[in-house]
C-alpha atoms as a PDB file:
ATOM      1  CA  MET A   1     168.398  80.814  64.922  1.00  0.00           C
ATOM      2  CA  THR A   2     166.115  83.325  66.763  1.00  0.00           C
ATOM      3  CA  ASP A   3     166.081  86.975  65.930  1.00  0.00           C
ATOM      4  CA  HIS A   4     166.637  89.381  68.778  1.00  0.00           C
ATOM      5  CA  LYS A   5     163.568  91.375  69.558  1.00  0.00           C
ATOM      6  CA  PHE A   6     163.914  95.101  70.419  1.00  0.00           C
ATOM      7  CA  SER A   7     161.436  97.031  72.542  1.00  0.00           C
ATOM      8  CA  VAL A   8     159.825 100.329  71.908  1.00  0.00           C
ATOM      9  CA  PHE A   9     158.654 101.813  75.179  1.00  0.00           C
ATOM     10  CA  LYS A  10     156.069 104.606  75.338  1.00  0.00           C
ATOM     11  CA  PHE A  11     154.927 106.877  78.071  1.00  0.00           C
ATOM     12  CA  GLU A  12     153.142 110.256  77.945  1.00  0.00           C
ATOM     13  CA  ASP A  13     154.499 111.988  74.767  1.00  0.00           C
ATOM     14  CA  ILE A  14     157.848 110.006  74.926  1.00  0.00           C
ATOM     15  CA  GLU A  15     158.994 107.009  72.993  1.00  0.00           C
ATOM     16  CA  VAL A  16     162.181 105.067  73.720  1.00  0.00           C
ATOM     17  CA  ARG A  17     163.473 102.937  70.825  1.00  0.00           C
ATOM     18  CA  GLU A  18     165.847 100.419  72.156  1.00  0.00           C
ATOM     19  CA  ARG A  19     167.310  99.251  68.761  1.00  0.00           C
ATOM     20  CA  GLU A  20     167.880 102.822  67.585  1.00  0.00           C
ATOM     21  CA  PHE A  21     169.320 103.944  70.895  1.00  0.00           C
ATOM     22  CA  LEU A  22     166.833 106.911  70.518  1.00  0.00           C
ATOM     23  CA  LEU A  23     164.663 108.951  72.803  1.00  0.00           C
ATOM     24  CA  VAL A  24     161.825 110.805  71.057  1.00  0.00           C
ATOM     25  CA  LYS A  25     159.887 113.488  72.998  1.00  0.00           C
ATOM     26  CA  GLY A  26     156.960 114.815  71.085  1.00  0.00           C
ATOM     27  CA  ASP A  27     158.420 114.941  67.544  1.00  0.00           C
ATOM     28  CA  LYS A  28     162.019 115.706  68.511  1.00  0.00           C
ATOM     29  CA  ALA A  29     164.742 113.128  68.791  1.00  0.00           C
ATOM     30  CA  LEU A  30     166.966 113.771  71.780  1.00  0.00           C
ATOM     31  CA  PRO A  31     170.615 112.486  72.017  1.00  0.00           C
ATOM     32  CA  VAL A  32     171.314 110.430  75.078  1.00  0.00           C
ATOM     33  CA  GLU A  33     174.709 109.058  76.124  1.00  0.00           C
ATOM     34  CA  PRO A  34     174.819 105.244  76.148  1.00  0.00           C
ATOM     35  CA  LYS A  35     174.972 104.560  79.882  1.00  0.00           C
ATOM     36  CA  ALA A  36     172.101 106.970  80.577  1.00  0.00           C
ATOM     37  CA  PHE A  37     170.029 105.330  77.861  1.00  0.00           C
ATOM     38  CA  ARG A  38     170.707 101.930  79.390  1.00  0.00           C
ATOM     39  CA  VAL A  39     169.622 103.196  82.833  1.00  0.00           C
ATOM     40  CA  LEU A  40     166.427 104.509  81.339  1.00  0.00           C
ATOM     41  CA  LEU A  41     165.824 101.146  79.521  1.00  0.00           C
ATOM     42  CA  PHE A  42     166.328  99.193  82.806  1.00  0.00           C
ATOM     43  CA  LEU A  43     163.866 101.479  84.607  1.00  0.00           C
ATOM     44  CA  LEU A  44     161.343 101.058  81.772  1.00  0.00           C
ATOM     45  CA  GLN A  45     161.657  97.376  81.985  1.00  0.00           C
ATOM     46  CA  ASN A  46     160.723  97.591  85.694  1.00  0.00           C
ATOM     47  CA  PRO A  47     158.038 100.248  85.802  1.00  0.00           C
ATOM     48  CA  ARG A  48     156.580 101.237  89.250  1.00  0.00           C
ATOM     49  CA  ARG A  49     159.025  98.768  90.956  1.00  0.00           C
ATOM     50  CA  LEU A  50     161.707  99.972  93.270  1.00  0.00           C
ATOM     51  CA  VAL A  51     165.002  99.034  91.681  1.00  0.00           C
ATOM     52  CA  THR A  52     168.041  99.339  93.895  1.00  0.00           C
ATOM     53  CA  LYS A  53     171.164 101.101  92.938  1.00  0.00           C
ATOM     54  CA  ASP A  54     173.034  97.813  92.987  1.00  0.00           C
ATOM     55  CA  GLU A  55     170.560  96.267  90.524  1.00  0.00           C
ATOM     56  CA  ILE A  56     171.056  99.190  88.119  1.00  0.00           C
ATOM     57  CA  LEU A  57     174.799  99.272  88.546  1.00  0.00           C
ATOM     58  CA  SER A  58     175.145  95.631  87.875  1.00  0.00           C
ATOM     59  CA  ALA A  59     172.733  95.692  84.796  1.00  0.00           C
ATOM     60  CA  VAL A  60     174.177  98.822  83.157  1.00  0.00           C
ATOM     61  CA  TRP A  61     177.847  98.791  84.219  1.00  0.00           C
ATOM     62  CA  ASP A  62     178.159  95.021  84.041  1.00  0.00           C
ATOM     63  CA  ASP A  63     180.056  94.561  87.278  1.00  0.00           C
ATOM     64  CA  CYS A  64     182.661  97.166  86.478  1.00  0.00           C
ATOM     65  CA  ALA A  65     183.873  99.039  89.527  1.00  0.00           C
ATOM     66  CA  VAL A  66     182.082 102.449  89.444  1.00  0.00           C
ATOM     67  CA  SER A  67     180.705 104.670  92.135  1.00  0.00           C
ATOM     68  CA  ASP A  68     177.123 105.773  92.867  1.00  0.00           C
ATOM     69  CA  ASN A  69     178.103 109.098  91.295  1.00  0.00           C
ATOM     70  CA  SER A  70     178.020 107.472  87.798  1.00  0.00           C
ATOM     71  CA  LEU A  71     174.390 106.469  88.437  1.00  0.00           C
ATOM     72  CA  THR A  72     173.526 109.858  89.918  1.00  0.00           C
ATOM     73  CA  ARG A  73     174.866 111.653  86.867  1.00  0.00           C
ATOM     74  CA  SER A  74     172.897 109.381  84.489  1.00  0.00           C
ATOM     75  CA  ILE A  75     169.679 109.968  86.461  1.00  0.00           C
ATOM     76  CA  ALA A  76     170.253 113.652  86.381  1.00  0.00           C
ATOM     77  CA  THR A  77     170.808 113.550  82.608  1.00  0.00           C
ATOM     78  CA  LEU A  78     167.571 111.646  82.174  1.00  0.00           C
ATOM     79  CA  ARG A  79     165.639 113.971  84.299  1.00  0.00           C
ATOM     80  CA  ARG A  80     166.983 116.914  82.308  1.00  0.00           C
ATOM     81  CA  LEU A  81     166.063 115.278  78.911  1.00  0.00           C
ATOM     82  CA  LEU A  82     162.635 114.214  80.201  1.00  0.00           C
ATOM     83  CA  GLY A  83     161.836 117.556  81.817  1.00  0.00           C
ATOM     84  CA  ASP A  84     161.575 115.859  85.224  1.00  0.00           C
ATOM     85  CA  ASP A  85     162.015 117.503  88.641  1.00  0.00           C
ATOM     86  CA  SER A  86     163.623 115.469  91.489  1.00  0.00           C
ATOM     87  CA  ARG A  87     161.555 117.449  94.032  1.00  0.00           C
ATOM     88  CA  LYS A  88     158.283 116.762  92.284  1.00  0.00           C
ATOM     89  CA  PRO A  89     159.004 113.770  90.016  1.00  0.00           C
ATOM     90  CA  ARG A  90     156.660 112.721  87.228  1.00  0.00           C
ATOM     91  CA  PHE A  91     158.861 110.058  85.847  1.00  0.00           C
ATOM     92  CA  ILE A  92     161.822 109.010  88.079  1.00  0.00           C
ATOM     93  CA  ALA A  93     161.427 108.990  91.833  1.00  0.00           C
ATOM     94  CA  THR A  94     164.454 108.765  94.089  1.00  0.00           C
ATOM     95  CA  VAL A  95     164.195 106.426  97.224  1.00  0.00           C
ATOM     96  CA  PRO A  96     167.032 107.974  99.241  1.00  0.00           C
ATOM     97  CA  THR A  97     169.992 105.538  99.762  1.00  0.00           C
ATOM     98  CA  VAL A  98     168.037 102.647  98.236  1.00  0.00           C
ATOM     99  CA  GLY A  99     167.294 103.238  94.537  1.00  0.00           C
ATOM    100  CA  TYR A 100     164.848 104.566  91.928  1.00  0.00           C
ATOM    101  CA  ARG A 101     161.261 103.936  90.808  1.00  0.00           C
ATOM    102  CA  PHE A 102     159.916 104.772  87.281  1.00  0.00           C
ATOM    103  CA  LEU A 103     156.436 106.336  88.075  1.00  0.00           C
ATOM    104  CA  CYS A 104     154.540 106.264  84.797  1.00  0.00           C
ATOM    105  CA  ASP A 105     152.591 103.569  83.116  1.00  0.00           C
ATOM    106  CA  VAL A 106     154.679 102.154  80.316  1.00  0.00           C
ATOM    107  CA  VAL A 107     153.504 100.571  77.053  1.00  0.00           C
ATOM    108  CA  ALA A 108     156.087  98.298  75.582  1.00  0.00           C
ATOM    109  CA  VAL A 109     155.978  96.789  72.066  1.00  0.00           C
ATOM    110  CA  GLU A 110     158.497  94.371  70.741  1.00  0.00           C
ATOM    111  CA  ARG A 111     159.855  94.501  67.180  1.00  0.00           C
ATOM    112  CA  ASP A 112     162.168  92.192  65.427  1.00  0.00           C
ATOM    113  CA  VAL A 113     165.071  93.393  63.263  1.00  0.00           C
ATOM    114  CA  ASN A 114     162.722  93.585  60.319  1.00  0.00           C
ATOM    115  CA  GLY A 115     160.243  95.808  62.162  1.00  0.00           C
ATOM    116  CA  PHE A 116     157.555  93.267  62.757  1.00  0.00           C
ATOM    117  CA  ILE A 117     155.571  93.797  65.965  1.00  0.00           C
ATOM    118  CA  PHE A 118     155.195  91.155  68.599  1.00  0.00           C
ATOM    119  CA  ARG A 119     152.898  91.686  71.651  1.00  0.00           C
END
């Protein structure tokens, strides 16, 4: 039996802990609704790559019928939490009508359920 590994993503002063569904900015834990958190995880797993709206919707909403508005709301929530500005993005850039790109370098560390680190 293999243990599931969970990632911890770091960029600037932000840490995203997959297993705990936790976003930490500086030393403050910020609550994030689950769908927005999953959108952020998907972007962090694909840094600097243009990911289409369809890719994100399929990965996060698991082929449920949802509109682009659900994704747009999640991105707006993430920008608010991260302190990002859609007009001058530091973290999430919009490629109109196509998708989104996570702009920062991301460091990812994998941990197992016991907290052991894998690189």
